[in-house]
Amino acid sequence: MSARYAFIDAEKADLETKITTGAVEAVEVPSIAMMCSWLKVSRSGFYEWRDREVSARDARREVVAAHVQAAFDAGRGTYGARRVHAILTRCDDPAVASASLKLVRSIMRELRLFACQPRAFRTTTVNDGGGAGIQDHLQRDFTAEAPGAKLVGDITYIRTWEGWVYLATVIDCHTRTVLGWSMATHMRADLICDALTMAAARIDLPAGAVFHSDRGSQYTSSDFRKHLKKLNVTASMGRTGVCWDNALAESFFGALKNELVHRRVFTTRRKARTAIAEYIEVFYNRIRIHSTLGYRTPHEILAEYQQNIALAA
């Protein structure tokens, strides 16, 4: 409740400044009673809050609330209480770093900060019955000892007013980094070949590297098989119609749709490409914390691995 009172008090001070400078007319300014009514708090409660001396507990809560809001905004409205709490534990201020998950949840409810909710996954690639003889080398184990050892990929689509944009990705199992991606107006094999080429250019693929996908026609095509052979990468495929066999790739698409696509309207394909590229390279790979990585970013995991290698050399 105190956060709402603080908001009213701040708005009152801001409006008084604007009246003084002539930025707004006094008749346009809502009263304290009106603002209390809008925020569903009592006017007497506001005045009591304003006039009493702030307790140490309330003062700390206000500081924590400011950090909660900042963490939520940094996560672009995608972070729930656990991720916001994980961000706060990194704070240099002990009063903030020691905030409990229960307190964070309470403050988020008070501030009406609700993370965007995921929607159901829809399949894109179509199985053509190919891929005979290709085994599942991952068996739903999406962990890896080193970057590049295990890669997963898939294709999804994004609606724009100009038509569909198709996105192919290559994700590293060790760091969860989207190493390669490609966008086009088609779903031909060169779409996924381009994504894998980008991934191979950004990281040294070790001997025995595995690329895992579903059994979509693009991944079973002769062109893609030749491309894998050229890069000395072993193909791996899950079972037909079993989404859990490629859960990591689908999880990324779920995050992309939930955190970007379903919250935007793309009038052109160019705008969609720009937004998706920014989401992948700036937000997902470098800013967004992942629960599977101990609430760290893919960039942090890669940097930690490279540091350990350098120390061991």
C-alpha atoms as a PDB file:
ATOM      1  CA  MET A   1       0.000   0.000   0.000  1.00  0.00           C
ATOM      2  CA  SER A   2       2.839   2.391   0.809  1.00  0.00           C
ATOM      3  CA  ALA A   3       4.027   2.216  -2.797  1.00  0.00           C
ATOM      4  CA  ARG A   4       0.690   3.634  -3.962  1.00  0.00           C
ATOM      5  CA  TYR A   5       0.839   6.388  -1.351  1.00  0.00           C
ATOM      6  CA  ALA A   6       4.382   7.186  -2.503  1.00  0.00           C
ATOM      7  CA  PHE A   7       3.168   7.360  -6.098  1.00  0.00           C
ATOM      8  CA  ILE A   8       0.388   9.808  -5.167  1.00  0.00           C
ATOM      9  CA  ASP A   9       2.822  11.944  -3.187  1.00  0.00           C
ATOM     10  CA  ALA A  10       5.305  12.015  -6.070  1.00  0.00           C
ATOM     11  CA  GLU A  11       2.582  12.875  -8.589  1.00  0.00           C
ATOM     12  CA  LYS A  12       1.331  15.666  -6.323  1.00  0.00           C
ATOM     13  CA  ALA A  13       4.822  17.178  -6.077  1.00  0.00           C
ATOM     14  CA  ASP A  14       5.346  16.864  -9.837  1.00  0.00           C
ATOM     15  CA  LEU A  15       2.037  18.514 -10.663  1.00  0.00           C
ATOM     16  CA  GLU A  16       2.670  21.366  -8.229  1.00  0.00           C
ATOM     17  CA  THR A  17       5.971  22.041  -9.998  1.00  0.00           C
ATOM     18  CA  LYS A  18       4.239  22.078 -13.389  1.00  0.00           C
ATOM     19  CA  ILE A  19       1.609  24.522 -12.093  1.00  0.00           C
ATOM     20  CA  THR A  20       4.327  26.804 -10.764  1.00  0.00           C
ATOM     21  CA  THR A  21       6.146  26.804 -14.107  1.00  0.00           C
ATOM     22  CA  GLY A  22       2.906  27.230 -16.061  1.00  0.00           C
ATOM     23  CA  ALA A  23       3.240  23.858 -17.795  1.00  0.00           C
ATOM     24  CA  VAL A  24      -0.331  22.909 -16.809  1.00  0.00           C
ATOM     25  CA  GLU A  25      -3.425  24.735 -15.614  1.00  0.00           C
ATOM     26  CA  ALA A  26      -4.459  24.287 -11.995  1.00  0.00           C
ATOM     27  CA  VAL A  27      -7.927  23.193 -13.123  1.00  0.00           C
ATOM     28  CA  GLU A  28      -6.402  20.231 -14.971  1.00  0.00           C
ATOM     29  CA  VAL A  29      -4.736  18.797 -11.874  1.00  0.00           C
ATOM     30  CA  PRO A  30      -6.502  15.870 -10.152  1.00  0.00           C
ATOM     31  CA  SER A  31      -6.997  16.187  -6.432  1.00  0.00           C
ATOM     32  CA  ILE A  32      -5.572  13.908  -3.772  1.00  0.00           C
ATOM     33  CA  ALA A  33      -9.062  12.465  -3.320  1.00  0.00           C
ATOM     34  CA  MET A  34      -9.333  11.646  -7.017  1.00  0.00           C
ATOM     35  CA  MET A  35      -5.940   9.940  -7.125  1.00  0.00           C
ATOM     36  CA  CYS A  36      -6.744   7.939  -3.988  1.00  0.00           C
ATOM     37  CA  SER A  37      -9.991   6.828  -5.580  1.00  0.00           C
ATOM     38  CA  TRP A  38      -8.250   5.768  -8.803  1.00  0.00           C
ATOM     39  CA  LEU A  39      -5.686   3.718  -6.893  1.00  0.00           C
ATOM     40  CA  LYS A  40      -8.297   2.301  -4.497  1.00  0.00           C
ATOM     41  CA  VAL A  41      -6.706   3.649  -1.306  1.00  0.00           C
ATOM     42  CA  SER A  42      -8.212   5.816   1.412  1.00  0.00           C
ATOM     43  CA  ARG A  43      -7.507   9.538   1.577  1.00  0.00           C
ATOM     44  CA  SER A  44      -7.109   9.376   5.360  1.00  0.00           C
ATOM     45  CA  GLY A  45      -4.640   6.536   4.948  1.00  0.00           C
ATOM     46  CA  PHE A  46      -2.586   8.652   2.543  1.00  0.00           C
ATOM     47  CA  TYR A  47      -2.387  11.597   4.931  1.00  0.00           C
ATOM     48  CA  GLU A  48      -1.512   9.271   7.814  1.00  0.00           C
ATOM     49  CA  TRP A  49       1.246   7.714   5.714  1.00  0.00           C
ATOM     50  CA  ARG A  50       2.572  11.132   4.665  1.00  0.00           C
ATOM     51  CA  ASP A  51       2.619  12.599   8.167  1.00  0.00           C
ATOM     52  CA  ARG A  52       4.114   9.721  10.118  1.00  0.00           C
ATOM     53  CA  GLU A  53       7.833   9.171  10.478  1.00  0.00           C
ATOM     54  CA  VAL A  54       9.086   6.502   8.106  1.00  0.00           C
ATOM     55  CA  SER A  55      10.122   3.361   9.956  1.00  0.00           C
ATOM     56  CA  ALA A  56      13.369   1.552   9.172  1.00  0.00           C
ATOM     57  CA  ARG A  57      11.324  -1.379   7.909  1.00  0.00           C
ATOM     58  CA  ASP A  58       9.281   0.790   5.540  1.00  0.00           C
ATOM     59  CA  ALA A  59      12.381   2.622   4.394  1.00  0.00           C
ATOM     60  CA  ARG A  60      14.060  -0.665   3.497  1.00  0.00           C
ATOM     61  CA  ARG A  61      10.927  -1.869   1.718  1.00  0.00           C
ATOM     62  CA  GLU A  62      10.901   1.270  -0.408  1.00  0.00           C
ATOM     63  CA  VAL A  63      14.535   0.700  -1.388  1.00  0.00           C
ATOM     64  CA  VAL A  64      13.850  -2.944  -2.236  1.00  0.00           C
ATOM     65  CA  ALA A  65      10.743  -1.926  -4.193  1.00  0.00           C
ATOM     66  CA  ALA A  66      12.819   0.424  -6.339  1.00  0.00           C
ATOM     67  CA  HIS A  67      15.238  -2.408  -7.154  1.00  0.00           C
ATOM     68  CA  VAL A  68      12.343  -4.781  -7.859  1.00  0.00           C
ATOM     69  CA  GLN A  69      10.900  -2.305 -10.352  1.00  0.00           C
ATOM     70  CA  ALA A  70      14.315  -1.819 -11.977  1.00  0.00           C
ATOM     71  CA  ALA A  71      14.897  -5.593 -12.277  1.00  0.00           C
ATOM     72  CA  PHE A  72      11.435  -6.118 -13.747  1.00  0.00           C
ATOM     73  CA  ASP A  73      12.005  -3.338 -16.287  1.00  0.00           C
ATOM     74  CA  ALA A  74      15.452  -4.705 -17.180  1.00  0.00           C
ATOM     75  CA  GLY A  75      13.776  -8.037 -17.897  1.00  0.00           C
ATOM     76  CA  ARG A  76      11.360  -6.253 -20.229  1.00  0.00           C
ATOM     77  CA  GLY A  77       8.386  -7.362 -18.190  1.00  0.00           C
ATOM     78  CA  THR A  78       9.256 -11.052 -18.618  1.00  0.00           C
ATOM     79  CA  TYR A  79      10.638 -11.813 -15.148  1.00  0.00           C
ATOM     80  CA  GLY A  80       8.571 -13.457 -12.457  1.00  0.00           C
ATOM     81  CA  ALA A  81       9.358 -13.252  -8.747  1.00  0.00           C
ATOM     82  CA  ARG A  82      12.128 -15.889  -8.824  1.00  0.00           C
ATOM     83  CA  ARG A  83      14.113 -14.159 -11.559  1.00  0.00           C
ATOM     84  CA  VAL A  84      13.632 -10.733  -9.984  1.00  0.00           C
ATOM     85  CA  HIS A  85      14.776 -12.184  -6.655  1.00  0.00           C
ATOM     86  CA  ALA A  86      17.854 -13.676  -8.339  1.00  0.00           C
ATOM     87  CA  ILE A  87      18.730 -10.241  -9.734  1.00  0.00           C
ATOM     88  CA  LEU A  88      18.376  -8.638  -6.304  1.00  0.00           C
ATOM     89  CA  THR A  89      20.760 -11.148  -4.690  1.00  0.00           C
ATOM     90  CA  ARG A  90      23.540  -9.668  -6.856  1.00  0.00           C
ATOM     91  CA  CYS A  91      23.033  -6.171  -5.458  1.00  0.00           C
ATOM     92  CA  ASP A  92      25.897  -4.553  -3.540  1.00  0.00           C
ATOM     93  CA  ASP A  93      23.445  -3.201  -0.961  1.00  0.00           C
ATOM     94  CA  PRO A  94      23.062  -5.889   1.750  1.00  0.00           C
ATOM     95  CA  ALA A  95      19.558  -4.648   2.563  1.00  0.00           C
ATOM     96  CA  VAL A  96      18.520  -5.423  -1.005  1.00  0.00           C
ATOM     97  CA  ALA A  97      20.600  -8.570  -1.547  1.00  0.00           C
ATOM     98  CA  SER A  98      19.118 -10.183   1.583  1.00  0.00           C
ATOM     99  CA  ALA A  99      15.496  -9.566   0.540  1.00  0.00           C
ATOM    100  CA  SER A 100      13.517 -12.784   0.683  1.00  0.00           C
ATOM    101  CA  LEU A 101      11.578 -14.296  -2.207  1.00  0.00           C
ATOM    102  CA  LYS A 102       8.410 -13.777  -0.151  1.00  0.00           C
ATOM    103  CA  LEU A 103       9.142 -10.058   0.130  1.00  0.00           C
ATOM    104  CA  VAL A 104       9.821  -9.785  -3.596  1.00  0.00           C
ATOM    105  CA  ARG A 105       6.518 -11.513  -4.378  1.00  0.00           C
ATOM    106  CA  SER A 106       4.683  -9.182  -2.001  1.00  0.00           C
ATOM    107  CA  ILE A 107       6.221  -6.073  -3.549  1.00  0.00           C
ATOM    108  CA  MET A 108       5.522  -7.263  -7.093  1.00  0.00           C
ATOM    109  CA  ARG A 109       1.861  -7.794  -6.211  1.00  0.00           C
ATOM    110  CA  GLU A 110       1.747  -4.351  -4.635  1.00  0.00           C
ATOM    111  CA  LEU A 111       3.322  -2.744  -7.695  1.00  0.00           C
ATOM    112  CA  ARG A 112       1.148  -4.872 -10.000  1.00  0.00           C
ATOM    113  CA  LEU A 113       4.154  -6.321 -11.797  1.00  0.00           C
ATOM    114  CA  PHE A 114       3.039  -9.475 -13.585  1.00  0.00           C
ATOM    115  CA  ALA A 115       5.314 -11.373 -15.949  1.00  0.00           C
ATOM    116  CA  CYS A 116       3.930 -12.145 -19.400  1.00  0.00           C
ATOM    117  CA  GLN A 117       2.498 -15.649 -19.584  1.00  0.00           C
ATOM    118  CA  PRO A 118       3.562 -18.319 -22.121  1.00  0.00           C
ATOM    119  CA  ARG A 119       1.226 -19.626 -24.793  1.00  0.00           C
ATOM    120  CA  ALA A 120       0.879 -23.092 -26.235  1.00  0.00           C
ATOM    121  CA  PHE A 121       3.603 -24.275 -28.621  1.00  0.00           C
ATOM    122  CA  ARG A 122       2.721 -24.862 -32.281  1.00  0.00           C
ATOM    123  CA  THR A 123       4.796 -27.053 -34.534  1.00  0.00           C
ATOM    124  CA  THR A 124       6.223 -25.656 -37.782  1.00  0.00           C
ATOM    125  CA  THR A 125       8.378 -28.262 -39.492  1.00  0.00           C
ATOM    126  CA  VAL A 126       6.640 -31.083 -41.328  1.00  0.00           C
ATOM    127  CA  ASN A 127       7.863 -34.663 -41.159  1.00  0.00           C
ATOM    128  CA  ASP A 128       8.315 -36.229 -44.591  1.00  0.00           C
ATOM    129  CA  GLY A 129       9.226 -39.672 -43.317  1.00  0.00           C
ATOM    130  CA  GLY A 130      12.931 -39.105 -43.949  1.00  0.00           C
ATOM    131  CA  GLY A 131      15.829 -39.384 -41.559  1.00  0.00           C
ATOM    132  CA  ALA A 132      15.833 -43.163 -41.467  1.00  0.00           C
ATOM    133  CA  GLY A 133      18.875 -44.452 -39.659  1.00  0.00           C
ATOM    134  CA  ILE A 134      19.577 -41.189 -37.839  1.00  0.00           C
ATOM    135  CA  GLN A 135      19.669 -41.825 -34.103  1.00  0.00           C
ATOM    136  CA  ASP A 136      18.810 -39.628 -31.159  1.00  0.00           C
ATOM    137  CA  HIS A 137      22.239 -38.955 -29.651  1.00  0.00           C
ATOM    138  CA  LEU A 138      20.893 -36.609 -26.973  1.00  0.00           C
ATOM    139  CA  GLN A 139      18.077 -38.657 -25.416  1.00  0.00           C
ATOM    140  CA  ARG A 140      16.672 -35.449 -23.900  1.00  0.00           C
ATOM    141  CA  ASP A 141      19.987 -34.670 -22.205  1.00  0.00           C
ATOM    142  CA  PHE A 142      20.465 -31.017 -23.114  1.00  0.00           C
ATOM    143  CA  THR A 143      23.615 -30.529 -21.078  1.00  0.00           C
ATOM    144  CA  ALA A 144      27.159 -30.467 -22.426  1.00  0.00           C
ATOM    145  CA  GLU A 145      30.645 -30.268 -20.968  1.00  0.00           C
ATOM    146  CA  ALA A 146      31.860 -27.662 -23.451  1.00  0.00           C
ATOM    147  CA  PRO A 147      30.460 -25.092 -25.901  1.00  0.00           C
ATOM    148  CA  GLY A 148      29.769 -26.457 -29.364  1.00  0.00           C
ATOM    149  CA  ALA A 149      29.671 -30.118 -28.325  1.00  0.00           C
ATOM    150  CA  LYS A 150      25.877 -30.339 -28.546  1.00  0.00           C
ATOM    151  CA  LEU A 151      23.742 -28.064 -30.687  1.00  0.00           C
ATOM    152  CA  VAL A 152      19.977 -28.059 -31.187  1.00  0.00           C
ATOM    153  CA  GLY A 153      17.920 -26.392 -33.884  1.00  0.00           C
ATOM    154  CA  ASP A 154      14.395 -25.788 -35.093  1.00  0.00           C
ATOM    155  CA  ILE A 155      12.256 -23.487 -37.266  1.00  0.00           C
ATOM    156  CA  THR A 156       9.392 -21.209 -36.307  1.00  0.00           C
ATOM    157  CA  TYR A 157       7.318 -18.536 -38.015  1.00  0.00           C
ATOM    158  CA  ILE A 158       6.431 -14.922 -37.211  1.00  0.00           C
ATOM    159  CA  ARG A 159       3.419 -13.115 -38.631  1.00  0.00           C
ATOM    160  CA  THR A 160       3.770  -9.642 -40.183  1.00  0.00           C
ATOM    161  CA  TRP A 161       1.367  -7.536 -42.219  1.00  0.00           C
ATOM    162  CA  GLU A 162       3.504  -8.320 -45.268  1.00  0.00           C
ATOM    163  CA  GLY A 163       3.390 -12.092 -44.674  1.00  0.00           C
ATOM    164  CA  TRP A 164       5.329 -14.730 -42.763  1.00  0.00           C
ATOM    165  CA  VAL A 165       8.943 -14.555 -41.645  1.00  0.00           C
ATOM    166  CA  TYR A 166      10.581 -17.910 -40.911  1.00  0.00           C
ATOM    167  CA  LEU A 167      13.311 -18.166 -38.296  1.00  0.00           C
ATOM    168  CA  ALA A 168      15.823 -21.009 -37.941  1.00  0.00           C
ATOM    169  CA  THR A 169      18.048 -21.184 -34.870  1.00  0.00           C
ATOM    170  CA  VAL A 170      21.054 -23.113 -33.587  1.00  0.00           C
ATOM    171  CA  ILE A 171      21.409 -23.195 -29.786  1.00  0.00           C
ATOM    172  CA  ASP A 172      24.418 -24.354 -27.785  1.00  0.00           C
ATOM    173  CA  CYS A 173      23.516 -26.805 -25.016  1.00  0.00           C
ATOM    174  CA  HIS A 174      26.374 -25.784 -22.701  1.00  0.00           C
ATOM    175  CA  THR A 175      25.770 -22.028 -22.604  1.00  0.00           C
ATOM    176  CA  ARG A 176      22.184 -21.830 -23.988  1.00  0.00           C
ATOM    177  CA  THR A 177      23.499 -19.208 -26.398  1.00  0.00           C
ATOM    178  CA  VAL A 178      21.699 -18.807 -29.715  1.00  0.00           C
ATOM    179  CA  LEU A 179      24.880 -19.226 -31.742  1.00  0.00           C
ATOM    180  CA  GLY A 180      23.289 -19.155 -35.163  1.00  0.00           C
ATOM    181  CA  TRP A 181      20.079 -17.861 -36.649  1.00  0.00           C
ATOM    182  CA  SER A 182      18.667 -17.107 -40.056  1.00  0.00           C
ATOM    183  CA  MET A 183      15.451 -15.462 -41.278  1.00  0.00           C
ATOM    184  CA  ALA A 184      13.762 -15.678 -44.665  1.00  0.00           C
ATOM    185  CA  THR A 185      10.374 -15.766 -46.377  1.00  0.00           C
ATOM    186  CA  HIS A 186      10.706 -19.513 -47.014  1.00  0.00           C
ATOM    187  CA  MET A 187      11.515 -22.734 -45.170  1.00  0.00           C
ATOM    188  CA  ARG A 188      13.912 -24.291 -47.659  1.00  0.00           C
ATOM    189  CA  ALA A 189      17.011 -26.153 -46.515  1.00  0.00           C
ATOM    190  CA  ASP A 190      19.309 -23.161 -47.056  1.00  0.00           C
ATOM    191  CA  LEU A 191      17.473 -21.388 -44.208  1.00  0.00           C
ATOM    192  CA  ILE A 192      18.796 -23.915 -41.693  1.00  0.00           C
ATOM    193  CA  CYS A 193      22.146 -24.231 -43.474  1.00  0.00           C
ATOM    194  CA  ASP A 194      22.702 -20.482 -43.035  1.00  0.00           C
ATOM    195  CA  ALA A 195      21.885 -20.700 -39.309  1.00  0.00           C
ATOM    196  CA  LEU A 196      24.357 -23.535 -38.815  1.00  0.00           C
ATOM    197  CA  THR A 197      27.021 -21.709 -40.838  1.00  0.00           C
ATOM    198  CA  MET A 198      26.698 -18.709 -38.515  1.00  0.00           C
ATOM    199  CA  ALA A 199      27.049 -20.947 -35.462  1.00  0.00           C
ATOM    200  CA  ALA A 200      30.164 -22.631 -36.861  1.00  0.00           C
ATOM    201  CA  ALA A 201      31.700 -19.226 -37.601  1.00  0.00           C
ATOM    202  CA  ARG A 202      31.182 -18.031 -34.028  1.00  0.00           C
ATOM    203  CA  ILE A 203      32.584 -21.014 -32.166  1.00  0.00           C
ATOM    204  CA  ASP A 204      35.072 -23.785 -32.861  1.00  0.00           C
ATOM    205  CA  LEU A 205      33.073 -26.973 -33.189  1.00  0.00           C
ATOM    206  CA  PRO A 206      34.941 -29.789 -31.436  1.00  0.00           C
ATOM    207  CA  ALA A 207      35.435 -33.231 -32.940  1.00  0.00           C
ATOM    208  CA  GLY A 208      32.282 -35.265 -32.507  1.00  0.00           C
ATOM    209  CA  ALA A 209      29.974 -32.247 -32.348  1.00  0.00           C
ATOM    210  CA  VAL A 210      26.302 -33.199 -32.583  1.00  0.00           C
ATOM    211  CA  PHE A 211      23.432 -31.235 -34.107  1.00  0.00           C
ATOM    212  CA  HIS A 212      19.991 -32.291 -32.889  1.00  0.00           C
ATOM    213  CA  SER A 213      16.640 -31.490 -34.515  1.00  0.00           C
ATOM    214  CA  ASP A 214      13.209 -32.911 -35.186  1.00  0.00           C
ATOM    215  CA  ARG A 215      12.476 -34.943 -38.309  1.00  0.00           C
ATOM    216  CA  GLY A 216      11.202 -32.050 -40.394  1.00  0.00           C
ATOM    217  CA  SER A 217      11.753 -32.276 -44.124  1.00  0.00           C
ATOM    218  CA  GLN A 218      14.362 -29.494 -44.067  1.00  0.00           C
ATOM    219  CA  TYR A 219      16.535 -31.400 -41.597  1.00  0.00           C
ATOM    220  CA  THR A 220      16.247 -34.689 -43.470  1.00  0.00           C
ATOM    221  CA  SER A 221      17.047 -33.112 -46.846  1.00  0.00           C
ATOM    222  CA  SER A 222      20.151 -34.127 -48.763  1.00  0.00           C
ATOM    223  CA  ASP A 223      21.323 -30.496 -48.865  1.00  0.00           C
ATOM    224  CA  PHE A 224      21.383 -30.241 -45.078  1.00  0.00           C
ATOM    225  CA  ARG A 225      23.036 -33.637 -44.672  1.00  0.00           C
ATOM    226  CA  LYS A 226      25.798 -32.497 -47.032  1.00  0.00           C
ATOM    227  CA  HIS A 227      26.189 -29.326 -45.012  1.00  0.00           C
ATOM    228  CA  LEU A 228      26.554 -31.297 -41.769  1.00  0.00           C
ATOM    229  CA  LYS A 229      29.164 -33.519 -43.398  1.00  0.00           C
ATOM    230  CA  LYS A 230      31.064 -30.470 -44.642  1.00  0.00           C
ATOM    231  CA  LEU A 231      31.240 -29.124 -41.073  1.00  0.00           C
ATOM    232  CA  ASN A 232      32.060 -32.589 -39.669  1.00  0.00           C
ATOM    233  CA  VAL A 233      28.946 -32.524 -37.481  1.00  0.00           C
ATOM    234  CA  THR A 234      26.911 -35.614 -36.579  1.00  0.00           C
ATOM    235  CA  ALA A 235      23.151 -35.480 -37.107  1.00  0.00           C
ATOM    236  CA  SER A 236      20.798 -36.405 -34.287  1.00  0.00           C
ATOM    237  CA  MET A 237      16.995 -36.530 -34.414  1.00  0.00           C
ATOM    238  CA  GLY A 238      14.207 -37.121 -31.946  1.00  0.00           C
ATOM    239  CA  ARG A 239      11.134 -39.199 -32.522  1.00  0.00           C
ATOM    240  CA  THR A 240       8.312 -38.043 -34.772  1.00  0.00           C
ATOM    241  CA  GLY A 241       5.667 -36.015 -32.956  1.00  0.00           C
ATOM    242  CA  VAL A 242       7.456 -36.016 -29.572  1.00  0.00           C
ATOM    243  CA  CYS A 243       8.136 -32.393 -28.737  1.00  0.00           C
ATOM    244  CA  TRP A 244      10.123 -33.222 -25.579  1.00  0.00           C
ATOM    245  CA  ASP A 245      12.867 -34.780 -27.714  1.00  0.00           C
ATOM    246  CA  ASN A 246      13.781 -31.276 -28.893  1.00  0.00           C
ATOM    247  CA  ALA A 247      12.571 -29.373 -25.827  1.00  0.00           C
ATOM    248  CA  LEU A 248      15.488 -26.929 -25.620  1.00  0.00           C
ATOM    249  CA  ALA A 249      14.920 -25.567 -29.131  1.00  0.00           C
ATOM    250  CA  GLU A 250      11.185 -25.329 -28.564  1.00  0.00           C
ATOM    251  CA  SER A 251      11.713 -23.679 -25.195  1.00  0.00           C
ATOM    252  CA  PHE A 252      13.588 -20.842 -26.879  1.00  0.00           C
ATOM    253  CA  PHE A 253      10.782 -20.319 -29.359  1.00  0.00           C
ATOM    254  CA  GLY A 254       8.311 -20.286 -26.490  1.00  0.00           C
ATOM    255  CA  ALA A 255      10.326 -17.526 -24.816  1.00  0.00           C
ATOM    256  CA  LEU A 256      10.660 -15.584 -28.073  1.00  0.00           C
ATOM    257  CA  LYS A 257       6.921 -15.699 -28.783  1.00  0.00           C
ATOM    258  CA  ASN A 258       5.970 -14.942 -25.176  1.00  0.00           C
ATOM    259  CA  GLU A 259       8.482 -12.176 -24.544  1.00  0.00           C
ATOM    260  CA  LEU A 260       8.505 -10.463 -27.938  1.00  0.00           C
ATOM    261  CA  VAL A 261       6.287 -11.681 -30.763  1.00  0.00           C
ATOM    262  CA  HIS A 262       2.953 -11.869 -28.912  1.00  0.00           C
ATOM    263  CA  ARG A 263       3.537  -8.410 -27.443  1.00  0.00           C
ATOM    264  CA  ARG A 264       4.208  -6.671 -30.770  1.00  0.00           C
ATOM    265  CA  VAL A 265       2.545  -6.104 -34.121  1.00  0.00           C
ATOM    266  CA  PHE A 266       5.019  -6.174 -36.996  1.00  0.00           C
ATOM    267  CA  THR A 267       3.858  -4.102 -39.943  1.00  0.00           C
ATOM    268  CA  THR A 268       6.785  -5.165 -42.135  1.00  0.00           C
ATOM    269  CA  ARG A 269       9.140  -8.116 -42.375  1.00  0.00           C
ATOM    270  CA  ARG A 270      12.068  -5.747 -41.929  1.00  0.00           C
ATOM    271  CA  LYS A 271      10.760  -4.589 -38.545  1.00  0.00           C
ATOM    272  CA  ALA A 272      10.261  -8.186 -37.459  1.00  0.00           C
ATOM    273  CA  ARG A 273      13.810  -9.127 -38.464  1.00  0.00           C
ATOM    274  CA  THR A 274      15.280  -6.131 -36.632  1.00  0.00           C
ATOM    275  CA  ALA A 275      13.323  -6.816 -33.437  1.00  0.00           C
ATOM    276  CA  ILE A 276      14.111 -10.533 -33.440  1.00  0.00           C
ATOM    277  CA  ALA A 277      17.815  -9.974 -34.086  1.00  0.00           C
ATOM    278  CA  GLU A 278      17.943  -7.481 -31.202  1.00  0.00           C
ATOM    279  CA  TYR A 279      16.059  -9.867 -28.924  1.00  0.00           C
ATOM    280  CA  ILE A 280      18.482 -12.712 -29.659  1.00  0.00           C
ATOM    281  CA  GLU A 281      21.809 -10.892 -29.643  1.00  0.00           C
ATOM    282  CA  VAL A 282      21.205  -8.205 -27.024  1.00  0.00           C
ATOM    283  CA  PHE A 283      18.562  -9.520 -24.659  1.00  0.00           C
ATOM    284  CA  TYR A 284      18.492 -13.333 -24.795  1.00  0.00           C
ATOM    285  CA  ASN A 285      22.205 -13.985 -25.117  1.00  0.00           C
ATOM    286  CA  ARG A 286      23.517 -11.203 -22.859  1.00  0.00           C
ATOM    287  CA  ILE A 287      20.844  -9.882 -20.480  1.00  0.00           C
ATOM    288  CA  ARG A 288      18.157 -12.491 -19.878  1.00  0.00           C
ATOM    289  CA  ILE A 289      18.954 -14.742 -16.920  1.00  0.00           C
ATOM    290  CA  HIS A 290      18.129 -18.453 -17.247  1.00  0.00           C
ATOM    291  CA  SER A 291      16.947 -20.620 -14.376  1.00  0.00           C
ATOM    292  CA  THR A 292      18.707 -23.641 -15.913  1.00  0.00           C
ATOM    293  CA  LEU A 293      21.975 -21.695 -15.762  1.00  0.00           C
ATOM    294  CA  GLY A 294      21.590 -20.849 -12.090  1.00  0.00           C
ATOM    295  CA  TYR A 295      19.988 -17.511 -12.962  1.00  0.00           C
ATOM    296  CA  ARG A 296      22.938 -16.418 -15.056  1.00  0.00           C
ATOM    297  CA  THR A 297      23.122 -15.317 -18.678  1.00  0.00           C
ATOM    298  CA  PRO A 298      24.512 -17.363 -21.595  1.00  0.00           C
ATOM    299  CA  HIS A 299      27.201 -14.694 -21.990  1.00  0.00           C
ATOM    300  CA  GLU A 300      28.289 -15.171 -18.374  1.00  0.00           C
ATOM    301  CA  ILE A 301      28.468 -18.962 -18.768  1.00  0.00           C
ATOM    302  CA  LEU A 302      30.614 -18.658 -21.907  1.00  0.00           C
ATOM    303  CA  ALA A 303      32.917 -16.106 -20.257  1.00  0.00           C
ATOM    304  CA  GLU A 304      33.297 -18.377 -17.224  1.00  0.00           C
ATOM    305  CA  TYR A 305      34.188 -21.351 -19.445  1.00  0.00           C
ATOM    306  CA  GLN A 306      36.759 -19.339 -21.398  1.00  0.00           C
ATOM    307  CA  GLN A 307      38.307 -18.060 -18.154  1.00  0.00           C
ATOM    308  CA  ASN A 308      38.605 -21.574 -16.777  1.00  0.00           C
ATOM    309  CA  ILE A 309      40.277 -22.742 -19.983  1.00  0.00           C
ATOM    310  CA  ALA A 310      42.728 -19.841 -19.825  1.00  0.00           C
ATOM    311  CA  LEU A 311      43.593 -20.605 -16.197  1.00  0.00           C
ATOM    312  CA  ALA A 312      44.122 -24.268 -16.959  1.00  0.00           C
ATOM    313  CA  ALA A 313      46.449 -23.525 -19.891  1.00  0.00           C
END
